[in-house]
């Protein structure tokens, strides 16, 4: 008889069935991606979670070409190789993070682990957990660890980190960078009266406006409250930072409109530079803070440079040096005119054109502050030509308006005088402006004509032949040869104000002035003393037979409108229109009475 088949235990079968159902349910409905594959990477079975994670469908699985190793992004495949080696030895590998490439080419971050199926040396069960949400949450946490939640700007920590990095780069490239701190003036009033909701809206708009004022390579951060900071790397000059500060203040001065309310803000700004102010992040921020405090002490709505550790003059020179050319292009230069007076008759005989610079940040600047810089940069030629043309135009305009014709004296710099085309340039300017050459006087220093006396003589004769007057400025301060002096076709010697200043107290100065006047008259030259400020100086010059004078005793240099008023006052006196017989009104009339 054949042996009897063993009877199946119904309870055991039921238990196996339940276990299989449970495993199947866990496999199909798990939020963890599960797949079975071999060591070569071919996926033989996978649940929906796995297919969803990697972006493939059931048909891709059935095609028999789905490989978990090929899904791994190339830069992470070495991790898969390491995992396989671990499984060959231990049968399992610990979880590790990698990125998989989906069917559509996008990437998904996953946490991956695998193990050999029990009893097999080639079949694997792999587990994948989608880390996308976790990564987003992590990125958000990291983002707000370094960004301001209200404005989305970098916060103080990120700003300091970028500043430290920028300082390293600046050290290698030897370029300047600036730290700029911005504080809103009296912002607490908005917060207290309109509430934090409106205040927050204003701060968000302020942040947008500040960002619009800088380059993409710059950093704008919020330090908290109404304090903002800027990092400006790779700037060439301090004026670059000043320009940004002015732009910010202009942008913030426009009204803010919230809840049908119009709000107006001003700001205080402090600026420091690397490497001139400090070479580390903490010190640079501290220096900018000091400058900011100074700006606030000056009632706000201004910007200040940090100046401790170096003189304000040095910074001023830096700013001026880099503003010269733009200033000329923006028509920031103007001319003031100072009267020149006959000492004996107190008649107005001429005027000297004196250039001034109306700097947008530093105010009205005198030649002593920028002419040296213009000489060094070579811009003195362009500035000199502009002054000559403008003075000729203005003189002709006054004549065309019916005012008495006056000789206008214009200074020529040494570099301008040495230009090969000087005579041609002067000729063209006179032609363009229509000014009669006899009403133009060119002033040169001893030094400029003694650099190359023979060439100077040639040029001076050409200018003199046109009818132009020639004068030597600051006479007595140089070392002119008398032999050359008598050869120069000059009309006037100007006595330097350094001799005039002490003419009443220093016998040597009086002797020098007397010698210059005697020498000039012997050579049939006119003499004018500059810098005359007191009655005593004037009386001494009259006694020494000096011909003319100019200085604060008579008049300070006058703007065009003021000089026009002076000419109009002379015209109203009914004096004949002859510049050799007309008189200065007011002060000179008083002086004439005192000395008559």
Protein backbone atom coordinates (compact mmCIF):
# COMPACT_ATOMS: atom_id res chain seq x y z
CA UNK A 1 0.00 0.00 0.00
CA UNK A 2 1.28 3.46 -0.81
CA UNK A 3 2.25 5.56 2.19
CA UNK A 4 -0.34 7.96 3.45
CA UNK A 5 0.13 11.69 2.71
CA UNK A 6 0.68 13.71 5.86
CA UNK A 7 -2.35 15.62 6.90
CA UNK A 8 -2.01 19.47 6.63
CA UNK A 9 -2.56 21.28 9.85
CA UNK A 10 -5.43 23.68 9.19
CA UNK A 11 -4.31 26.01 11.97
CA UNK A 12 -0.79 26.20 10.57
CA UNK A 13 -2.08 26.85 7.11
CA UNK A 14 -4.29 29.61 8.42
CA UNK A 15 -1.34 31.15 10.22
CA UNK A 16 0.80 31.02 7.08
CA UNK A 17 -2.01 32.54 5.05
CA UNK A 18 -2.41 35.38 7.52
CA UNK A 19 1.35 35.99 7.58
CA UNK A 20 1.49 36.10 3.79
CA UNK A 21 -1.47 38.50 3.72
CA UNK A 22 0.17 40.72 6.25
CA UNK A 23 3.49 40.76 4.38
CA UNK A 24 1.70 41.44 1.12
CA UNK A 25 -0.27 44.26 2.70
CA UNK A 26 2.88 45.75 4.27
CA UNK A 27 4.70 45.43 0.94
CA UNK A 28 1.94 47.01 -1.13
CA UNK A 29 0.82 49.75 1.23
CA UNK A 30 4.05 50.74 2.96
CA UNK A 31 5.10 54.37 2.67
CA UNK A 32 8.62 53.01 2.36
CA UNK A 33 9.70 52.10 -1.12
CA UNK A 34 10.49 48.36 -1.26
CA UNK A 35 11.89 46.39 -4.16
CA UNK A 36 13.52 43.04 -4.82
CA UNK A 37 16.55 42.98 -7.07
CA UNK A 38 19.77 41.12 -7.77
CA UNK A 39 23.34 42.24 -7.19
CA UNK A 40 23.58 43.49 -10.75
CA UNK A 41 20.82 45.98 -9.96
CA UNK A 42 17.90 44.48 -11.92
CA UNK A 43 14.61 45.12 -10.09
CA UNK A 44 12.31 42.08 -10.17
CA UNK A 45 9.50 43.31 -7.93
CA UNK A 46 8.61 46.65 -6.39
CA UNK A 47 5.77 48.19 -4.45
CA UNK A 48 3.88 51.30 -5.49
CA UNK A 49 5.77 53.46 -3.00
CA UNK A 50 9.10 52.57 -4.65
CA UNK A 51 7.76 53.21 -8.15
CA UNK A 52 6.31 56.52 -7.04
CA UNK A 53 9.59 57.59 -5.43
CA UNK A 54 11.67 56.84 -8.53
CA UNK A 55 9.01 58.04 -10.95
CA UNK A 56 8.57 54.81 -12.94
CA UNK A 57 5.40 52.86 -13.69
CA UNK A 58 4.39 49.20 -13.43
CA UNK A 59 4.96 48.78 -17.17
CA UNK A 60 8.59 49.83 -16.74
CA UNK A 61 8.97 47.16 -14.06
CA UNK A 62 7.40 44.50 -16.28
CA UNK A 63 9.76 45.37 -19.12
CA UNK A 64 12.56 43.76 -17.13
CA UNK A 65 14.87 46.73 -17.70
CA UNK A 66 14.43 48.63 -14.44
CA UNK A 67 17.73 48.79 -12.54
CA UNK A 68 18.15 50.37 -9.12
CA UNK A 69 21.86 51.03 -9.67
CA UNK A 70 21.23 52.86 -12.94
CA UNK A 71 18.71 55.04 -11.13
CA UNK A 72 21.39 56.27 -8.74
CA UNK A 73 22.80 59.67 -9.68
CA UNK A 74 26.35 59.23 -11.03
CA UNK A 75 28.11 61.02 -8.19
CA UNK A 76 26.49 58.63 -5.65
CA UNK A 77 27.19 55.30 -7.40
CA UNK A 78 30.34 54.73 -5.40
CA UNK A 79 28.05 54.44 -2.36
CA UNK A 80 26.12 51.64 -4.09
CA UNK A 81 29.40 49.83 -4.84
CA UNK A 82 30.39 50.08 -1.20
CA UNK A 83 26.94 48.82 -0.10
CA UNK A 84 27.21 45.73 -2.33
CA UNK A 85 30.63 44.89 -0.92
CA UNK A 86 29.24 45.22 2.60
CA UNK A 87 26.31 42.90 1.80
CA UNK A 88 28.59 40.24 0.35
CA UNK A 89 30.41 40.16 3.66
CA UNK A 90 27.69 40.84 6.24
CA UNK A 91 24.49 40.30 4.27
CA UNK A 92 23.27 43.83 4.91
CA UNK A 93 24.26 47.48 4.58
CA UNK A 94 23.36 50.36 6.85
CA UNK A 95 21.10 53.15 5.62
CA UNK A 96 22.77 55.97 3.68
CA UNK A 97 21.54 59.03 1.81
CA UNK A 98 21.85 59.42 -1.93
CA UNK A 99 19.98 60.87 -4.88
CA UNK A 100 18.11 58.92 -7.53
CA UNK A 101 17.35 60.09 -11.05
CA UNK A 102 13.70 59.77 -11.94
CA UNK A 103 12.33 58.75 -15.30
CA UNK A 104 11.66 62.42 -16.18
CA UNK A 105 15.26 63.34 -15.35
CA UNK A 106 14.51 65.07 -12.06
CA UNK A 107 16.22 64.01 -8.88
CA UNK A 108 14.89 62.77 -5.58
CA UNK A 109 16.85 62.48 -2.32
CA UNK A 110 16.36 59.08 -0.64
CA UNK A 111 17.49 57.17 2.40
CA UNK A 112 18.52 53.75 1.11
CA UNK A 113 19.28 50.41 2.76
CA UNK A 114 19.35 46.80 1.55
CA UNK A 115 19.93 43.22 2.67
CA UNK A 116 20.37 39.81 1.08
CA UNK A 117 17.19 37.76 1.10
CA UNK A 118 17.52 34.97 3.65
CA UNK A 119 19.02 31.88 2.05
CA UNK A 120 20.12 33.70 -1.13
CA UNK A 121 23.50 35.04 -2.18
CA UNK A 122 22.25 37.17 -5.06
CA UNK A 123 18.74 38.44 -4.29
CA UNK A 124 18.32 41.68 -2.41
CA UNK A 125 15.48 43.45 -0.71
CA UNK A 126 15.96 47.21 -0.87
CA UNK A 127 14.29 49.94 1.12
CA UNK A 128 14.01 53.57 0.01
CA UNK A 129 12.55 56.49 1.95
CA UNK A 130 11.75 59.76 0.14
CA UNK A 131 13.66 62.59 1.88
CA UNK A 132 12.19 65.44 -0.19
CA UNK A 133 10.02 66.87 2.57
CA UNK A 134 12.78 66.38 5.10
CA UNK A 135 15.25 68.17 2.82
CA UNK A 136 12.82 71.05 2.32
CA UNK A 137 12.32 71.35 6.05
CA UNK A 138 16.07 71.18 6.62
CA UNK A 139 16.72 73.82 3.98
CA UNK A 140 14.06 76.04 5.52
CA UNK A 141 15.60 75.68 8.96
CA UNK A 142 19.05 76.40 7.55
CA UNK A 143 17.73 79.34 5.52
CA UNK A 144 16.15 81.08 8.47
CA UNK A 145 19.22 80.41 10.56
CA UNK A 146 21.00 82.83 8.23
CA UNK A 147 18.18 85.02 6.91
CA UNK A 148 15.76 87.54 8.34
CA UNK A 149 12.23 86.14 8.44
CA UNK A 150 10.55 89.51 7.78
CA UNK A 151 12.55 90.73 4.77
CA UNK A 152 14.24 87.52 3.58
CA UNK A 153 17.53 89.41 3.62
CA UNK A 154 20.69 87.83 5.04
CA UNK A 155 20.91 88.27 8.79
CA UNK A 156 23.85 89.39 10.87
CA UNK A 157 25.44 85.93 11.01
CA UNK A 158 25.43 85.45 7.24
CA UNK A 159 26.62 89.03 6.73
CA UNK A 160 29.62 88.48 8.99
CA UNK A 161 30.42 85.23 7.21
CA UNK A 162 30.33 86.92 3.81
CA UNK A 163 32.36 89.83 5.14
CA UNK A 164 35.09 87.50 6.38
CA UNK A 165 35.19 85.75 3.01
CA UNK A 166 35.27 89.10 1.15
CA UNK A 167 38.17 90.26 3.33
CA UNK A 168 40.18 87.19 2.32
CA UNK A 169 39.50 87.88 -1.36
CA UNK A 170 40.29 91.58 -0.94
CA UNK A 171 43.59 90.68 0.69
CA UNK A 172 44.56 88.60 -2.34
CA UNK A 173 43.42 91.11 -4.96
CA UNK A 174 44.43 94.25 -3.02
CA UNK A 175 41.02 95.80 -3.68
CA UNK A 176 39.05 98.04 -1.38
CA UNK A 177 35.72 97.05 0.17
CA UNK A 178 33.23 99.05 2.20
CA UNK A 179 30.88 98.30 5.07
CA UNK A 180 27.81 100.54 5.15
CA UNK A 181 25.38 100.68 8.09
CA UNK A 182 21.94 102.22 7.56
CA UNK A 183 19.64 103.30 10.39
CA UNK A 184 16.16 104.74 9.83
CA UNK A 185 15.73 108.06 11.64
CA UNK A 186 13.01 108.13 14.30
CA UNK A 187 11.46 104.88 13.06
CA UNK A 188 10.22 104.09 16.56
CA UNK A 189 7.54 106.76 16.10
CA UNK A 190 5.99 104.74 13.24
CA UNK A 191 6.08 101.57 15.33
CA UNK A 192 4.52 103.28 18.35
CA UNK A 193 1.80 105.23 16.54
CA UNK A 194 0.83 102.99 13.61
CA UNK A 195 1.53 99.57 15.10
CA UNK A 196 3.91 96.75 14.28
CA UNK A 197 1.89 95.54 11.25
CA UNK A 198 2.40 98.81 9.38
CA UNK A 199 5.96 99.06 10.69
CA UNK A 200 6.73 95.62 9.28
CA UNK A 201 5.26 96.60 5.92
CA UNK A 202 7.49 99.67 5.87
CA UNK A 203 10.57 97.61 6.73
CA UNK A 204 9.85 95.18 3.89
CA UNK A 205 9.55 98.07 1.45
CA UNK A 206 12.73 99.69 2.84
CA UNK A 207 14.57 96.42 2.24
CA UNK A 208 13.41 96.32 -1.39
CA UNK A 209 14.47 99.90 -2.02
CA UNK A 210 17.92 99.39 -0.52
CA UNK A 211 18.47 96.24 -2.58
CA UNK A 212 17.56 98.21 -5.72
CA UNK A 213 20.45 100.58 -5.00
CA UNK A 214 23.27 98.01 -5.12
CA UNK A 215 24.91 95.53 -7.46
CA UNK A 216 24.13 91.80 -7.52
CA UNK A 217 27.59 91.15 -6.08
CA UNK A 218 26.83 93.31 -3.02
CA UNK A 219 25.19 92.03 0.15
CA UNK A 220 22.29 93.76 1.91
CA UNK A 221 21.45 92.42 5.37
CA UNK A 222 19.03 93.25 8.14
CA UNK A 223 20.59 93.34 11.57
CA UNK A 224 17.26 93.63 13.35
CA UNK A 225 14.86 96.46 14.12
CA UNK A 226 15.41 99.27 11.62
CA UNK A 227 19.12 98.55 11.13
CA UNK A 228 20.48 97.41 7.77
CA UNK A 229 24.03 96.64 6.62
CA UNK A 230 25.67 96.59 3.21
CA UNK A 231 28.83 94.87 2.05
CA UNK A 232 30.32 96.50 -1.04
CA UNK A 233 33.26 94.43 -2.31
CA UNK A 234 35.62 95.39 -5.11
CA UNK A 235 35.14 99.15 -5.05
CA UNK A 236 37.75 101.44 -6.54
CA UNK A 237 37.27 104.65 -4.58
CA UNK A 238 35.56 105.90 -1.39
CA UNK A 239 33.25 107.94 -3.59
CA UNK A 240 31.75 104.67 -4.89
CA UNK A 241 30.39 103.98 -1.41
CA UNK A 242 29.31 107.59 -0.98
CA UNK A 243 27.39 107.35 -4.25
CA UNK A 244 25.53 104.27 -2.96
CA UNK A 245 24.76 106.07 0.31
CA UNK A 246 23.31 109.05 -1.55
CA UNK A 247 21.26 106.74 -3.79
CA UNK A 248 19.84 104.95 -0.74
CA UNK A 249 18.87 108.22 0.90
CA UNK A 250 17.23 109.42 -2.29
CA UNK A 251 15.23 106.17 -2.63
CA UNK A 252 14.14 106.21 0.99
CA UNK A 253 13.08 109.85 0.78
CA UNK A 254 10.24 108.95 -1.61
CA UNK A 255 6.93 108.59 0.28
CA UNK A 256 5.71 105.22 1.57
CA UNK A 257 1.99 104.61 1.12
CA UNK A 258 0.23 102.19 3.50
CA UNK A 259 -3.43 102.06 4.45
CA UNK A 260 -4.08 105.36 2.67
CA UNK A 261 -1.33 106.98 4.72
CA UNK A 262 1.73 108.70 3.27
CA UNK A 263 4.86 108.20 5.35
CA UNK A 264 8.22 109.90 4.92
CA UNK A 265 11.56 108.51 6.14
CA UNK A 266 15.12 109.73 6.38
CA UNK A 267 18.18 107.69 7.21
CA UNK A 268 21.59 107.97 8.86
CA UNK A 269 24.48 106.10 7.26
CA UNK A 270 27.97 105.21 8.46
CA UNK A 271 30.74 103.96 6.16
CA UNK A 272 34.08 102.26 6.82
CA UNK A 273 36.67 100.88 4.42
CA UNK A 274 39.09 97.99 4.26
CA UNK A 275 42.05 98.24 4.47
CA UNK A 276 42.28 101.93 5.43
CA UNK A 277 39.98 101.77 8.49
CA UNK A 278 40.36 98.16 9.60
CA UNK A 279 41.41 94.76 8.29
CA UNK A 280 39.05 92.44 10.18
CA UNK A 281 35.28 92.06 10.21
CA UNK A 282 34.66 93.07 13.83
CA UNK A 283 36.72 96.26 13.58
CA UNK A 284 35.15 97.25 10.26
CA UNK A 285 31.65 96.91 11.71
CA UNK A 286 32.69 98.85 14.78
CA UNK A 287 34.18 101.64 12.64
CA UNK A 288 31.04 101.86 10.51
CA UNK A 289 29.00 102.00 13.72
CA UNK A 290 31.10 104.92 14.97
CA UNK A 291 30.50 106.76 11.69
CA UNK A 292 26.77 105.98 11.93
CA UNK A 293 26.61 107.42 15.44
CA UNK A 294 28.25 110.61 14.19
CA UNK A 295 25.68 110.85 11.40
CA UNK A 296 22.86 110.49 13.95
CA UNK A 297 24.45 113.12 16.22
CA UNK A 298 24.29 115.52 13.27
CA UNK A 299 20.47 115.15 13.37
CA UNK A 300 20.38 112.32 10.85
CA UNK A 301 19.58 112.37 7.15
CA UNK A 302 23.27 112.32 6.23
CA UNK A 303 26.14 109.89 5.75
CA UNK A 304 29.53 109.94 7.43
CA UNK A 305 32.87 108.24 6.81
CA UNK A 306 34.83 106.73 9.65
CA UNK A 307 37.87 108.97 10.14
CA UNK A 308 39.62 107.83 13.33
CA UNK A 309 43.14 106.62 12.69
CA UNK A 310 43.55 108.88 9.66
CA UNK A 311 42.90 112.52 8.98
CA UNK A 312 39.71 113.82 7.52
CA UNK A 313 41.90 115.73 5.07
CA UNK A 314 43.34 112.48 3.70
CA UNK A 315 39.85 111.07 3.05
CA UNK A 316 38.77 114.37 1.56
CA UNK A 317 41.70 114.23 -0.84
CA UNK A 318 40.73 110.69 -1.87
CA UNK A 319 37.18 111.78 -2.62
CA UNK A 320 38.27 114.87 -4.53
CA UNK A 321 40.82 112.99 -6.59
CA UNK A 322 38.19 110.58 -7.82
CA UNK A 323 35.53 113.25 -8.37
CA UNK A 324 37.56 115.60 -10.55
CA UNK A 325 36.74 114.18 -13.97
CA UNK A 326 33.05 113.42 -13.19
CA UNK A 327 32.77 116.91 -11.66
CA UNK A 328 34.02 118.52 -14.86
CA UNK A 329 31.66 116.37 -16.94
CA UNK A 330 28.71 117.28 -14.69
CA UNK A 331 29.39 121.05 -14.91
CA UNK A 332 30.12 121.35 -11.19
CA UNK A 333 32.83 123.99 -11.75
CA UNK A 334 31.97 127.68 -11.68
CA UNK A 335 33.90 130.96 -11.89
CA UNK A 336 33.94 133.85 -9.44
CA UNK A 337 35.28 137.24 -10.49
CA UNK A 338 37.38 139.50 -8.24
CA UNK A 339 37.68 143.22 -9.05
CA UNK A 340 41.10 144.78 -9.71
CA UNK A 341 41.35 148.47 -8.79
CA UNK A 342 43.65 151.38 -9.66
CA UNK A 343 45.17 152.35 -6.30
CA UNK A 344 45.52 156.06 -6.99
CA UNK A 345 42.10 156.72 -8.52
CA UNK A 346 40.16 153.74 -7.12
CA UNK A 347 38.93 153.01 -10.61
CA UNK A 348 37.85 149.50 -11.51
CA UNK A 349 40.20 148.44 -14.26
CA UNK A 350 39.88 144.66 -14.56
CA UNK A 351 38.72 141.44 -12.93
CA UNK A 352 40.37 138.10 -12.28
CA UNK A 353 38.54 134.86 -13.11
CA UNK A 354 38.90 132.41 -10.21
CA UNK A 355 37.63 128.86 -10.58
CA UNK A 356 35.55 127.22 -7.85
CA UNK A 357 34.17 123.70 -7.52
CA UNK A 358 30.61 123.24 -6.28
CA UNK A 359 31.06 119.71 -4.95
CA UNK A 360 27.68 118.03 -4.29
CA UNK A 361 28.82 116.62 -0.93
CA UNK A 362 31.66 118.90 0.21
CA UNK A 363 30.29 122.27 -0.81
CA UNK A 364 32.13 125.15 -2.48
CA UNK A 365 35.83 124.34 -2.89
CA UNK A 366 38.65 126.79 -3.61
CA UNK A 367 41.51 126.13 -6.05
CA UNK A 368 43.98 125.34 -3.26
CA UNK A 369 41.95 122.19 -2.55
CA UNK A 370 41.90 120.71 -6.04
CA UNK A 371 44.29 122.42 -8.47
CA UNK A 372 47.23 120.33 -7.21
CA UNK A 373 45.22 117.15 -7.81
CA UNK A 374 44.25 118.41 -11.25
CA UNK A 375 47.93 119.02 -12.03
CA UNK A 376 48.88 115.50 -10.94
CA UNK A 377 46.09 113.87 -12.93
CA UNK A 378 46.57 115.93 -16.09
CA UNK A 379 43.03 117.31 -15.89
CA UNK A 380 44.43 120.78 -15.30
CA UNK A 381 44.59 121.28 -19.08
CA UNK A 382 40.88 120.51 -19.55
CA UNK A 383 39.92 122.60 -16.53
CA UNK A 384 42.13 125.48 -17.68
CA UNK A 385 40.60 125.49 -21.17
CA UNK A 386 37.11 125.42 -19.64
CA UNK A 387 37.94 128.38 -17.38
CA UNK A 388 39.38 130.39 -20.28
CA UNK A 389 36.41 129.74 -22.55
CA UNK A 390 33.84 130.38 -19.80
CA UNK A 391 35.52 133.61 -18.67
CA UNK A 392 35.69 134.90 -22.26
CA UNK A 393 32.05 134.02 -22.85
CA UNK A 394 30.96 135.77 -19.66
CA UNK A 395 33.02 138.88 -20.35
CA UNK A 396 31.55 139.16 -23.84
CA UNK A 397 28.05 138.56 -22.44
CA UNK A 398 28.47 141.47 -20.02
CA UNK A 399 29.64 143.69 -22.87
CA UNK A 400 26.69 142.63 -25.02
CA UNK A 401 24.37 143.53 -22.12
CA UNK A 402 25.63 147.11 -22.22
CA UNK A 403 28.07 146.99 -19.34
CA UNK A 404 31.48 148.64 -19.45
CA UNK A 405 34.11 146.42 -21.10
CA UNK A 406 36.61 145.15 -18.53
CA UNK A 407 39.79 143.21 -19.00
CA UNK A 408 39.44 139.67 -17.59
CA UNK A 409 42.54 137.97 -16.20
CA UNK A 410 42.74 134.17 -16.51
CA UNK A 411 45.42 131.99 -14.94
CA UNK A 412 47.31 129.52 -17.13
CA UNK A 413 48.85 126.53 -15.37
CA UNK A 414 52.41 125.47 -16.18
CA UNK A 415 51.19 122.33 -17.91
CA UNK A 416 48.62 124.25 -19.92
CA UNK A 417 51.20 126.83 -21.00
CA UNK A 418 53.56 124.06 -22.12
CA UNK A 419 50.96 122.46 -24.39
CA UNK A 420 52.15 122.60 -28.03
CA UNK A 421 48.79 123.90 -29.26
CA UNK A 422 48.28 126.61 -26.63
CA UNK A 423 48.36 129.59 -29.00
CA UNK A 424 46.00 127.88 -31.44
CA UNK A 425 43.65 126.96 -28.56
CA UNK A 426 43.54 130.57 -27.26
CA UNK A 427 42.97 131.87 -30.78
CA UNK A 428 40.06 129.48 -31.33
CA UNK A 429 38.45 130.33 -27.99
CA UNK A 430 38.61 134.06 -28.75
CA UNK A 431 37.11 133.40 -32.17
CA UNK A 432 34.33 131.19 -30.76
CA UNK A 433 33.40 133.64 -27.98
CA UNK A 434 33.81 136.83 -29.97
CA UNK A 435 35.84 138.55 -27.23
CA UNK A 436 38.28 141.24 -28.35
CA UNK A 437 41.80 140.00 -27.40
CA UNK A 438 42.62 143.36 -25.79
CA UNK A 439 40.14 142.50 -23.02
CA UNK A 440 41.91 139.25 -22.15
CA UNK A 441 44.87 138.98 -19.80
CA UNK A 442 46.73 135.71 -19.32
CA UNK A 443 48.46 135.19 -15.97
CA UNK A 444 51.49 132.90 -15.72
CA UNK A 445 53.75 132.06 -12.80
CA UNK A 446 57.49 132.60 -12.84
CA UNK A 447 58.00 128.85 -12.69
CA UNK A 448 55.92 128.10 -15.77
CA UNK A 449 57.79 130.50 -18.03
CA UNK A 450 61.25 129.69 -16.65
CA UNK A 451 60.97 125.93 -17.36
CA UNK A 452 61.88 126.64 -20.99
CA UNK A 453 62.49 130.40 -21.35
CA UNK A 454 63.19 130.37 -25.08
CA UNK A 455 60.01 128.50 -25.89
CA UNK A 456 58.10 130.74 -23.47
CA UNK A 457 59.38 133.87 -25.23
CA UNK A 458 58.15 132.55 -28.58
CA UNK A 459 54.68 131.75 -27.27
CA UNK A 460 54.36 135.01 -25.37
CA UNK A 461 55.22 137.05 -28.44
CA UNK A 462 52.60 135.18 -30.46
CA UNK A 463 49.98 135.88 -27.79
CA UNK A 464 51.11 139.47 -27.39
CA UNK A 465 50.85 140.01 -31.15
CA UNK A 466 47.15 139.19 -30.91
CA UNK A 467 46.64 142.05 -28.44
CA UNK A 468 46.42 139.88 -25.33
CA UNK A 469 47.84 141.28 -22.08
CA UNK A 470 50.44 139.15 -20.28
CA UNK A 471 51.11 139.21 -16.54
CA UNK A 472 53.47 137.30 -14.26
CA UNK A 473 51.66 136.03 -11.17
CA UNK A 474 53.17 135.65 -7.67
CA UNK A 475 56.21 137.64 -8.69
CA UNK A 476 59.05 137.57 -6.17
CA UNK A 477 58.51 133.99 -5.03
CA UNK A 478 60.57 132.44 -7.83
CA UNK A 479 64.03 132.92 -9.23
CA UNK A 480 63.56 134.79 -12.47
CA UNK A 481 66.61 135.94 -14.33
CA UNK A 482 66.51 139.70 -14.93
CA UNK A 483 68.05 139.02 -18.33
CA UNK A 484 65.05 136.90 -19.30
CA UNK A 485 62.59 139.19 -17.56
CA UNK A 486 63.45 142.11 -19.85
CA UNK A 487 63.08 139.81 -22.88
CA UNK A 488 59.61 138.60 -21.96
CA UNK A 489 56.83 140.64 -23.65
CA UNK A 490 54.86 141.09 -20.45
CA UNK A 491 52.62 143.95 -19.31
CA UNK A 492 52.16 143.40 -15.59
CA UNK A 493 53.92 142.02 -12.53
CA UNK A 494 51.72 140.77 -9.68
CA UNK A 495 53.22 141.14 -6.20
CA UNK A 496 52.58 138.00 -4.20
CA UNK A 497 50.24 138.39 -1.22
CA UNK A 498 52.86 136.89 1.10
CA UNK A 499 54.83 140.15 0.75
CA UNK A 500 51.74 142.36 1.00
CA UNK A 501 50.56 140.67 4.20
CA UNK A 502 53.45 141.93 6.35
CA UNK A 503 54.33 145.07 4.42
CA UNK A 504 53.56 147.25 7.47
CA UNK A 505 55.34 145.10 10.04
CA UNK A 506 58.31 143.60 8.24
CA UNK A 507 60.85 146.09 6.80
CA UNK A 508 62.30 143.38 4.57
CA UNK A 509 58.92 142.76 2.94
CA UNK A 510 58.43 146.47 2.40
CA UNK A 511 61.87 146.63 0.79
CA UNK A 512 61.06 143.69 -1.50
CA UNK A 513 57.77 145.25 -2.62
CA UNK A 514 59.50 148.58 -3.20
CA UNK A 515 62.22 146.86 -5.29
CA UNK A 516 59.64 145.00 -7.40
CA UNK A 517 57.70 148.22 -8.10
CA UNK A 518 60.87 150.11 -8.98
CA UNK A 519 62.06 147.30 -11.26
CA UNK A 520 58.70 147.01 -13.00
CA UNK A 521 58.42 150.74 -13.61
CA UNK A 522 61.99 150.79 -14.95
CA UNK A 523 60.91 148.14 -17.46
CA UNK A 524 57.72 150.13 -18.17
CA UNK A 525 55.55 147.40 -16.61
CA UNK A 526 52.37 147.74 -14.60
CA UNK A 527 52.34 146.43 -10.98
CA UNK A 528 49.36 144.93 -9.17
CA UNK A 529 49.41 143.81 -5.54
CA UNK A 530 47.16 140.91 -4.53
CA UNK A 531 45.78 140.02 -1.13
CA UNK A 532 45.19 143.59 0.05
CA UNK A 533 43.03 143.40 3.15
CA UNK A 534 43.69 146.48 5.32
CA UNK A 535 43.77 150.24 4.96
CA UNK A 536 47.35 150.24 6.23
CA UNK A 537 48.47 147.88 3.46
CA UNK A 538 46.70 150.01 0.88
CA UNK A 539 48.30 153.22 2.20
CA UNK A 540 51.77 151.66 2.07
CA UNK A 541 51.23 150.46 -1.51
CA UNK A 542 50.03 153.93 -2.56
CA UNK A 543 53.13 155.46 -1.01
CA UNK A 544 55.31 153.03 -2.96
CA UNK A 545 53.51 154.01 -6.22
CA UNK A 546 51.98 150.58 -6.81
CA UNK A 547 49.57 150.80 -9.74
CA UNK A 548 46.74 148.40 -8.93
CA UNK A 549 45.44 146.11 -6.20
CA UNK A 550 42.94 143.41 -5.48
CA UNK A 551 41.84 141.80 -2.25
CA UNK A 552 39.16 141.58 0.40
CA UNK A 553 39.51 145.27 1.25
CA UNK A 554 37.82 146.01 -2.06
CA UNK A 555 35.77 142.90 -2.68
CA UNK A 556 35.81 139.16 -2.28
CA UNK A 557 35.53 137.11 -5.49
CA UNK A 558 31.94 137.46 -6.69
CA UNK A 559 29.60 135.00 -8.35
CA UNK A 560 28.28 135.99 -11.79
CA UNK A 561 25.01 137.36 -10.41
CA UNK A 562 26.82 139.42 -7.76
CA UNK A 563 29.32 140.82 -10.24
CA UNK A 564 26.43 141.66 -12.57
CA UNK A 565 24.83 143.65 -9.74
CA UNK A 566 28.13 145.47 -9.24
CA UNK A 567 28.28 146.38 -12.92
CA UNK A 568 24.65 147.48 -12.85
CA UNK A 569 25.31 149.74 -9.87
CA UNK A 570 28.22 151.35 -11.73
CA UNK A 571 26.02 151.83 -14.77
CA UNK A 572 23.32 153.50 -12.70
CA UNK A 573 25.84 156.10 -11.47
CA UNK A 574 25.92 157.54 -14.98
CA UNK A 575 29.71 157.28 -15.30
CA UNK A 576 31.07 157.18 -18.90
CA UNK A 577 31.50 153.71 -20.34
CA UNK A 578 35.27 153.72 -20.33
CA UNK A 579 36.81 151.02 -18.16
CA UNK A 580 39.82 153.28 -17.44
CA UNK A 581 37.69 156.01 -15.87
CA UNK A 582 34.86 154.19 -14.13
CA UNK A 583 34.78 153.64 -10.40
CA UNK A 584 33.74 150.87 -8.11
CA UNK A 585 30.71 152.02 -6.08
CA UNK A 586 30.05 151.72 -2.38
CA UNK A 587 33.23 150.58 -0.60
CA UNK A 588 35.62 152.20 -3.05
CA UNK A 589 33.81 155.52 -2.86
CA UNK A 590 34.30 155.43 0.90
CA UNK A 591 37.99 154.52 0.50
CA UNK A 592 38.49 157.31 -2.03
CA UNK A 593 37.08 159.83 0.43
CA UNK A 594 39.42 158.54 3.16
CA UNK A 595 42.54 158.91 1.02
CA UNK A 596 41.66 162.09 -0.85
